[in-house]
Each structure stands twice: as C-alpha cells, then as structure tokens.
C-alpha cells in the first residue's frame, strides 16, 4: 500500500479506542501479557513519557487504511538512536492490522515500544 505521509498532529491522527487496542493485543500472538504488565510498559503509558521518548510522527491514508509512523527512544537511553515504529489501521473496520517496531532486540516477539 502506498501512503503519502504528512506530519502528524491531533487533527489528523486516527481515532483508536482502548477496546480496539486490547483486541489487537489479545489476538496477536507476538505480544505476551506478562510483557504488557511489566513495569517498563507501565512507565511508557504515563502522560509525560512522550515528552522525551517520542520523536517525529507521520500519518498517511489511502482509501480504507491509515498508517502512523514514528520514532521512539527508550526513556533511559535518550542518547541512543530511536527505534522506528509503525501501526497500520483499517479505519473502515476499526481494527489494528499491524503494529511493529524495527531495530530493537525484542521486536520479533512484540516489544513494548509500540504501546
């Protein structure tokens, strides 16, 4: 799928509710509940976490899909290169089709950077 990407802001980001997120984690075998319950995952959901950890974010759409791409730097390693993360949503069916992180060791088994 081809997407023309634009800088993301609160006006052009897709609407995703908690039920959609939980359904994705429940049905995706790459994510383990023990990792999602971990302290590092809890820290990444704090309101101010993104102030330091989230870099450039882009959003793009085609007929039914939306992709959001961004860069995430672990809070305790802010001087290292950011991990590239992306999420693909089907906005017609309100489902997350894919969420991935590129570059970290845990990416193959569903890392916490996409949370």
N, C-alpha and C. Protein backbone atom coordinates (compact mmCIF):
# COMPACT_ATOMS: atom_id res chain seq x y z
N UNK A 1 0.83 -1.18 0.00
CA UNK A 1 0.00 0.00 0.00
C UNK A 1 0.88 1.24 0.00
N UNK A 2 0.53 2.20 -0.80
CA UNK A 2 1.25 3.46 -0.85
C UNK A 2 0.52 4.52 -0.02
N UNK A 3 1.30 5.25 0.73
CA UNK A 3 0.76 6.30 1.58
C UNK A 3 1.56 7.57 1.38
N UNK A 4 0.87 8.69 1.23
CA UNK A 4 1.53 9.99 1.24
C UNK A 4 1.56 10.42 2.70
N UNK A 5 2.75 10.52 3.28
CA UNK A 5 2.86 10.82 4.71
C UNK A 5 2.95 12.31 4.98
N UNK A 6 2.28 12.73 6.03
CA UNK A 6 2.29 14.11 6.48
C UNK A 6 2.65 14.15 7.95
N UNK A 7 3.13 15.28 8.41
CA UNK A 7 3.42 15.44 9.82
C UNK A 7 2.14 15.24 10.62
N UNK A 8 2.22 14.41 11.65
CA UNK A 8 1.05 14.12 12.47
C UNK A 8 0.80 15.21 13.50
N UNK A 9 -0.46 15.47 13.75
CA UNK A 9 -0.87 16.33 14.86
C UNK A 9 -2.24 15.86 15.32
N UNK A 10 -2.77 16.47 16.34
CA UNK A 10 -4.02 15.98 16.93
C UNK A 10 -5.20 16.01 15.97
N UNK A 11 -5.12 16.76 14.91
CA UNK A 11 -6.23 16.85 13.96
C UNK A 11 -6.24 15.73 12.92
N UNK A 12 -5.09 15.10 12.64
CA UNK A 12 -5.09 14.11 11.58
C UNK A 12 -4.75 12.70 12.05
N UNK A 13 -4.62 12.49 13.33
CA UNK A 13 -4.37 11.14 13.84
C UNK A 13 -5.66 10.33 13.82
N UNK A 14 -5.56 9.02 13.62
CA UNK A 14 -6.76 8.18 13.61
C UNK A 14 -7.35 8.05 15.01
N UNK A 15 -8.62 7.82 15.07
CA UNK A 15 -9.31 7.59 16.35
C UNK A 15 -9.20 6.10 16.68
N UNK A 16 -8.59 5.81 17.82
CA UNK A 16 -8.44 4.42 18.26
C UNK A 16 -8.84 4.37 19.72
N UNK A 17 -9.81 3.51 20.03
CA UNK A 17 -10.23 3.39 21.42
C UNK A 17 -9.53 2.22 22.11
N UNK A 18 -9.67 2.13 23.41
CA UNK A 18 -8.99 1.11 24.19
C UNK A 18 -9.46 -0.30 23.81
N UNK A 19 -10.71 -0.46 23.45
CA UNK A 19 -11.23 -1.78 23.05
C UNK A 19 -10.49 -2.27 21.81
N UNK A 20 -10.25 -1.40 20.85
CA UNK A 20 -9.52 -1.76 19.64
C UNK A 20 -8.10 -2.17 19.97
N UNK A 21 -7.45 -1.43 20.84
CA UNK A 21 -6.08 -1.75 21.24
C UNK A 21 -6.02 -3.10 21.95
N UNK A 22 -6.91 -3.32 22.90
CA UNK A 22 -6.92 -4.58 23.64
C UNK A 22 -7.25 -5.76 22.73
N UNK A 23 -8.12 -5.58 21.79
CA UNK A 23 -8.45 -6.65 20.84
C UNK A 23 -7.22 -7.02 20.01
N UNK A 24 -6.45 -6.02 19.59
CA UNK A 24 -5.23 -6.28 18.84
C UNK A 24 -4.26 -7.11 19.67
N UNK A 25 -4.01 -6.71 20.91
CA UNK A 25 -3.08 -7.45 21.75
C UNK A 25 -3.58 -8.85 22.05
N UNK A 26 -4.88 -9.00 22.23
CA UNK A 26 -5.47 -10.30 22.55
C UNK A 26 -5.34 -11.27 21.38
N UNK A 27 -5.47 -10.79 20.17
CA UNK A 27 -5.48 -11.67 19.01
C UNK A 27 -4.12 -11.79 18.32
N UNK A 28 -3.12 -11.06 18.76
CA UNK A 28 -1.81 -11.09 18.13
C UNK A 28 -0.86 -11.92 18.99
N UNK A 29 -0.38 -13.03 18.45
CA UNK A 29 0.46 -13.94 19.21
C UNK A 29 1.86 -13.40 19.50
N UNK A 30 2.23 -12.27 18.90
CA UNK A 30 3.55 -11.69 19.17
C UNK A 30 3.63 -10.96 20.50
N UNK A 31 2.50 -10.71 21.12
CA UNK A 31 2.50 -9.95 22.36
C UNK A 31 2.08 -10.84 23.52
N UNK A 32 2.87 -10.78 24.58
CA UNK A 32 2.63 -11.60 25.76
C UNK A 32 2.13 -10.71 26.88
N UNK A 33 1.11 -11.17 27.57
CA UNK A 33 0.54 -10.38 28.65
C UNK A 33 1.55 -10.05 29.73
N UNK A 34 2.50 -10.96 29.99
CA UNK A 34 3.49 -10.68 31.03
C UNK A 34 4.32 -9.45 30.67
N UNK A 35 4.66 -9.25 29.41
CA UNK A 35 5.41 -8.06 29.00
C UNK A 35 4.54 -6.82 29.13
N UNK A 36 3.27 -6.92 28.78
CA UNK A 36 2.39 -5.76 28.86
C UNK A 36 2.10 -5.35 30.29
N UNK A 37 2.22 -6.29 31.22
CA UNK A 37 2.01 -5.97 32.63
C UNK A 37 3.27 -5.45 33.30
N UNK A 38 4.39 -5.51 32.62
CA UNK A 38 5.68 -5.15 33.21
C UNK A 38 5.78 -3.68 33.57
N UNK A 39 6.72 -3.40 34.44
CA UNK A 39 6.90 -2.04 34.92
C UNK A 39 7.33 -1.10 33.80
N UNK A 40 8.15 -1.59 32.87
CA UNK A 40 8.57 -0.73 31.77
C UNK A 40 7.38 -0.35 30.88
N UNK A 41 6.50 -1.28 30.64
CA UNK A 41 5.31 -0.97 29.85
C UNK A 41 4.42 0.02 30.58
N UNK A 42 4.31 -0.11 31.90
CA UNK A 42 3.51 0.84 32.67
C UNK A 42 4.10 2.24 32.61
N UNK A 43 5.43 2.33 32.67
CA UNK A 43 6.07 3.64 32.60
C UNK A 43 5.83 4.29 31.24
N UNK A 44 5.74 3.50 30.18
CA UNK A 44 5.56 4.07 28.85
C UNK A 44 4.16 4.62 28.62
N UNK A 45 3.23 4.35 29.53
CA UNK A 45 1.88 4.87 29.39
C UNK A 45 1.64 6.14 30.20
N UNK A 46 2.65 6.60 30.93
CA UNK A 46 2.49 7.85 31.69
C UNK A 46 2.24 9.02 30.74
N UNK A 47 1.50 10.00 31.20
CA UNK A 47 1.17 11.16 30.37
C UNK A 47 2.40 11.89 29.85
N UNK A 48 3.43 12.01 30.64
CA UNK A 48 4.60 12.80 30.22
C UNK A 48 5.68 11.97 29.55
N UNK A 49 5.48 10.67 29.37
CA UNK A 49 6.50 9.82 28.76
C UNK A 49 6.84 10.28 27.35
N UNK A 50 5.86 10.64 26.58
CA UNK A 50 6.08 11.05 25.20
C UNK A 50 6.87 12.34 25.05
N UNK A 51 6.92 13.14 26.10
CA UNK A 51 7.68 14.39 26.05
C UNK A 51 9.15 14.14 25.72
N UNK A 52 9.68 13.03 26.19
CA UNK A 52 11.09 12.70 25.97
C UNK A 52 11.24 11.58 24.96
N UNK A 53 10.35 10.62 24.97
CA UNK A 53 10.56 9.37 24.23
C UNK A 53 10.11 9.41 22.78
N UNK A 54 9.14 10.23 22.43
CA UNK A 54 8.57 10.18 21.08
C UNK A 54 9.17 11.27 20.22
N UNK A 55 9.69 10.85 19.07
CA UNK A 55 10.27 11.79 18.12
C UNK A 55 9.28 12.10 17.01
N UNK A 56 9.78 12.23 15.81
CA UNK A 56 8.96 12.59 14.65
C UNK A 56 7.84 11.56 14.43
N UNK A 57 6.63 12.06 14.15
CA UNK A 57 5.48 11.20 13.87
C UNK A 57 4.85 11.66 12.57
N UNK A 58 4.55 10.67 11.69
CA UNK A 58 3.91 10.95 10.40
C UNK A 58 2.67 10.09 10.28
N UNK A 59 1.71 10.59 9.53
CA UNK A 59 0.48 9.85 9.30
C UNK A 59 0.15 9.90 7.81
N UNK A 60 -0.38 8.79 7.30
CA UNK A 60 -0.78 8.74 5.90
C UNK A 60 -2.03 7.89 5.74
N UNK A 61 -2.81 8.20 4.73
CA UNK A 61 -4.05 7.47 4.48
C UNK A 61 -4.20 7.12 3.02
N UNK A 62 -4.87 5.98 2.78
CA UNK A 62 -5.38 5.68 1.45
C UNK A 62 -6.87 5.43 1.63
N UNK A 63 -7.50 4.71 0.77
CA UNK A 63 -8.97 4.59 0.81
C UNK A 63 -9.51 4.10 2.15
N UNK A 64 -8.97 3.02 2.68
CA UNK A 64 -9.54 2.47 3.91
C UNK A 64 -8.53 2.34 5.04
N UNK A 65 -7.27 2.56 4.76
CA UNK A 65 -6.22 2.33 5.74
C UNK A 65 -5.51 3.62 6.14
N UNK A 66 -4.98 3.57 7.34
CA UNK A 66 -4.19 4.67 7.87
C UNK A 66 -2.92 4.06 8.45
N UNK A 67 -1.80 4.69 8.18
CA UNK A 67 -0.54 4.27 8.78
C UNK A 67 0.03 5.43 9.58
N UNK A 68 0.51 5.11 10.77
CA UNK A 68 1.17 6.09 11.61
C UNK A 68 2.58 5.57 11.85
N UNK A 69 3.56 6.39 11.52
CA UNK A 69 4.96 6.02 11.71
C UNK A 69 5.60 7.03 12.65
N UNK A 70 6.45 6.52 13.50
CA UNK A 70 7.12 7.40 14.44
C UNK A 70 8.46 6.86 14.89
N UNK A 71 9.09 7.61 15.75
CA UNK A 71 10.36 7.22 16.34
C UNK A 71 10.20 7.26 17.85
N UNK A 72 10.67 6.19 18.51
CA UNK A 72 10.57 6.09 19.96
C UNK A 72 11.96 5.83 20.53
N UNK A 73 12.35 6.61 21.50
CA UNK A 73 13.61 6.41 22.19
C UNK A 73 13.29 5.99 23.62
N UNK A 74 13.84 4.86 24.07
CA UNK A 74 13.58 4.47 25.46
C UNK A 74 14.00 5.58 26.40
N UNK A 75 13.18 5.83 27.40
CA UNK A 75 13.38 6.94 28.33
C UNK A 75 14.75 6.91 28.99
N UNK A 76 15.24 5.72 29.29
CA UNK A 76 16.52 5.61 29.99
C UNK A 76 17.72 5.61 29.03
N UNK A 77 17.46 5.70 27.72
CA UNK A 77 18.53 5.71 26.73
C UNK A 77 18.30 6.80 25.69
N UNK A 78 18.00 8.00 26.14
CA UNK A 78 17.61 9.07 25.22
C UNK A 78 18.71 9.50 24.27
N UNK A 79 19.95 9.12 24.54
CA UNK A 79 21.05 9.49 23.65
C UNK A 79 21.28 8.48 22.53
N UNK A 80 20.59 7.35 22.56
CA UNK A 80 20.74 6.34 21.52
C UNK A 80 19.81 6.65 20.34
N UNK A 81 20.05 5.97 19.24
CA UNK A 81 19.18 6.13 18.07
C UNK A 81 17.77 5.65 18.40
N UNK A 82 16.80 6.32 17.83
CA UNK A 82 15.40 5.97 18.08
C UNK A 82 15.01 4.71 17.30
N UNK A 83 14.08 3.96 17.85
CA UNK A 83 13.50 2.83 17.15
C UNK A 83 12.40 3.34 16.23
N UNK A 84 12.29 2.78 15.06
CA UNK A 84 11.22 3.13 14.12
C UNK A 84 10.02 2.24 14.42
N UNK A 85 8.88 2.86 14.67
CA UNK A 85 7.66 2.12 14.96
C UNK A 85 6.57 2.52 13.96
N UNK A 86 5.67 1.59 13.69
CA UNK A 86 4.55 1.91 12.80
C UNK A 86 3.34 1.08 13.19
N UNK A 87 2.20 1.62 12.86
CA UNK A 87 0.93 0.93 13.10
C UNK A 87 0.06 1.15 11.87
N UNK A 88 -0.58 0.09 11.43
CA UNK A 88 -1.49 0.15 10.29
C UNK A 88 -2.89 -0.17 10.77
N UNK A 89 -3.82 0.74 10.49
CA UNK A 89 -5.20 0.57 10.92
C UNK A 89 -6.12 0.49 9.72
N UNK A 90 -7.12 -0.35 9.82
CA UNK A 90 -8.21 -0.36 8.85
C UNK A 90 -9.30 0.51 9.47
N UNK A 91 -9.48 1.71 8.92
CA UNK A 91 -10.42 2.65 9.52
C UNK A 91 -11.87 2.32 9.20
N UNK A 92 -12.11 1.51 8.18
CA UNK A 92 -13.48 1.10 7.86
C UNK A 92 -13.96 0.06 8.87
N UNK A 93 -13.10 -0.91 9.18
CA UNK A 93 -13.47 -1.98 10.11
C UNK A 93 -13.07 -1.67 11.56
N UNK A 94 -12.40 -0.55 11.79
CA UNK A 94 -11.94 -0.18 13.13
C UNK A 94 -11.09 -1.26 13.78
N UNK A 95 -10.08 -1.74 13.04
CA UNK A 95 -9.16 -2.74 13.58
C UNK A 95 -7.72 -2.32 13.31
N UNK A 96 -6.86 -2.69 14.23
CA UNK A 96 -5.42 -2.53 14.05
C UNK A 96 -4.95 -3.77 13.32
N UNK A 97 -4.40 -3.60 12.14
CA UNK A 97 -3.95 -4.74 11.36
C UNK A 97 -2.50 -5.11 11.67
N UNK A 98 -1.69 -4.12 11.99
CA UNK A 98 -0.29 -4.41 12.24
C UNK A 98 0.31 -3.30 13.11
N UNK A 99 1.18 -3.70 14.00
CA UNK A 99 1.96 -2.75 14.79
C UNK A 99 3.35 -3.35 14.92
N UNK A 100 4.36 -2.58 14.56
CA UNK A 100 5.70 -3.16 14.60
C UNK A 100 6.74 -2.12 15.00
N UNK A 101 7.84 -2.64 15.50
CA UNK A 101 8.99 -1.85 15.88
C UNK A 101 10.18 -2.43 15.13
N UNK A 102 11.00 -1.57 14.58
CA UNK A 102 12.19 -2.01 13.87
C UNK A 102 13.42 -1.55 14.62
N UNK A 103 14.30 -2.46 14.90
CA UNK A 103 15.57 -2.07 15.47
C UNK A 103 15.86 -2.55 16.88
N UNK A 104 14.86 -2.91 17.64
CA UNK A 104 15.17 -3.38 18.99
C UNK A 104 15.21 -4.90 19.01
N UNK A 105 15.87 -5.44 20.02
CA UNK A 105 16.06 -6.89 20.10
C UNK A 105 14.76 -7.65 20.31
N UNK A 106 13.79 -7.04 20.94
CA UNK A 106 12.53 -7.71 21.23
C UNK A 106 11.46 -7.55 20.17
N UNK A 107 11.78 -6.91 19.06
CA UNK A 107 10.77 -6.58 18.05
C UNK A 107 10.10 -7.82 17.46
N UNK A 108 10.82 -8.88 17.28
CA UNK A 108 10.25 -10.09 16.65
C UNK A 108 9.17 -10.72 17.49
N UNK A 109 9.23 -10.53 18.81
CA UNK A 109 8.22 -11.14 19.67
C UNK A 109 7.28 -10.11 20.28
N UNK A 110 7.18 -8.95 19.69
CA UNK A 110 6.25 -7.93 20.17
C UNK A 110 6.80 -7.12 21.32
N UNK A 111 7.51 -6.09 21.03
CA UNK A 111 8.13 -5.28 22.08
C UNK A 111 7.16 -4.20 22.58
N UNK A 112 7.58 -3.55 23.66
CA UNK A 112 6.72 -2.54 24.30
C UNK A 112 6.78 -1.19 23.62
N UNK A 113 7.65 -0.99 22.64
CA UNK A 113 7.80 0.34 22.02
C UNK A 113 6.57 0.77 21.22
N UNK A 114 5.77 -0.18 20.79
CA UNK A 114 4.56 0.21 20.05
C UNK A 114 3.39 0.55 20.95
N UNK A 115 3.52 0.29 22.23
CA UNK A 115 2.44 0.62 23.17
C UNK A 115 2.31 2.11 23.20
